[in-house]
C-alpha cells in the first residue's frame, strides 16, 4: 500500500513529499557535532538561537536555501 505524502518538499514548504523522497533526504542530512554542555548555561531565546545556529547549515545543504529557514523555524518552535 503506498505511503501518504509528507508535508515539506525541498524548496517548497508545505508541498507534498513522498515517503521515499523523505528517506533519501534524511540520508543526506549530516549534522555537525555539537558540544551540548554549552546548552547548560543557556535558556530561552539564547538556547533556541544556539540550537538553530547549530543545525541551520546542515538543513540548508539537505533542503536548500528557500526551505532551510522554514524547516529550522518549525523545528525550533516545537
Protein backbone atom coordinates (compact mmCIF):
# COMPACT_ATOMS: atom_id res chain seq x y z
CA UNK A 1 0.00 0.00 0.00
CA UNK A 2 1.50 3.43 -0.93
CA UNK A 3 2.59 5.76 1.86
CA UNK A 4 0.72 9.08 2.23
CA UNK A 5 2.64 12.19 1.18
CA UNK A 6 4.57 14.04 3.87
CA UNK A 7 4.47 17.84 4.00
CA UNK A 8 7.58 19.91 3.23
CA UNK A 9 9.24 19.15 -0.10
CA UNK A 10 12.65 20.80 -0.58
CA UNK A 11 12.31 24.39 -1.67
CA UNK A 12 8.53 24.26 -1.41
CA UNK A 13 7.39 24.30 2.22
CA UNK A 14 4.03 22.59 2.55
CA UNK A 15 4.25 20.77 -0.80
CA UNK A 16 3.68 17.00 -0.66
CA UNK A 17 6.72 14.76 -0.44
CA UNK A 18 6.62 11.02 -0.97
CA UNK A 19 7.98 8.73 1.75
CA UNK A 20 10.88 7.52 -0.42
CA UNK A 21 11.89 11.14 -1.15
CA UNK A 22 11.87 11.94 2.56
CA UNK A 23 14.04 8.91 3.36
CA UNK A 24 16.52 9.90 0.65
CA UNK A 25 16.80 13.42 2.08
CA UNK A 26 17.19 12.12 5.61
CA UNK A 27 20.16 10.09 4.40
CA UNK A 28 21.72 13.32 3.11
CA UNK A 29 21.22 15.22 6.37
CA UNK A 30 24.55 15.15 8.19
CA UNK A 31 24.55 17.17 11.41
CA UNK A 32 27.84 18.55 12.67
CA UNK A 33 28.90 17.53 16.19
CA UNK A 34 27.67 19.94 18.86
CA UNK A 35 29.02 20.37 22.39
CA UNK A 36 25.74 20.11 24.26
CA UNK A 37 27.46 21.13 27.51
CA UNK A 38 27.19 24.68 26.20
CA UNK A 39 23.40 24.38 26.47
CA UNK A 40 23.61 24.08 30.27
CA UNK A 41 24.33 27.79 30.63
CA UNK A 42 21.67 28.92 28.16
CA UNK A 43 17.94 29.35 28.44
CA UNK A 44 15.04 30.76 26.48
CA UNK A 45 15.92 32.60 23.29
CA UNK A 46 19.68 32.13 23.77
CA UNK A 47 19.20 28.36 23.85
CA UNK A 48 16.92 28.44 20.80
CA UNK A 49 19.43 30.58 18.89
CA UNK A 50 22.30 28.23 19.76
CA UNK A 51 20.36 25.18 18.54
CA UNK A 52 19.18 26.99 15.40
CA UNK A 53 22.71 28.09 14.53
CA UNK A 54 23.97 24.55 15.13
CA UNK A 55 21.51 22.87 12.76
CA UNK A 56 20.88 25.51 10.08
CA UNK A 57 23.83 24.78 7.75
CA UNK A 58 23.04 21.06 7.65
CA UNK A 59 19.38 21.71 6.92
CA UNK A 60 20.33 24.23 4.24
CA UNK A 61 22.60 21.69 2.50
CA UNK A 62 19.90 19.00 2.58
CA UNK A 63 16.81 21.06 1.76
CA UNK A 64 18.05 24.23 0.02
CA UNK A 65 18.08 27.97 0.66
CA UNK A 66 14.31 28.52 0.46
CA UNK A 67 13.27 25.70 2.77
CA UNK A 68 16.07 25.94 5.36
CA UNK A 69 14.68 28.88 7.37
CA UNK A 70 11.18 27.39 7.34
CA UNK A 71 12.31 23.93 8.43
CA UNK A 72 14.68 25.29 11.08
CA UNK A 73 11.95 27.52 12.46
CA UNK A 74 9.47 24.66 12.56
CA UNK A 75 11.93 22.51 14.49
CA UNK A 76 12.67 25.26 16.98
CA UNK A 77 9.00 26.03 17.59
CA UNK A 78 8.30 22.54 18.93
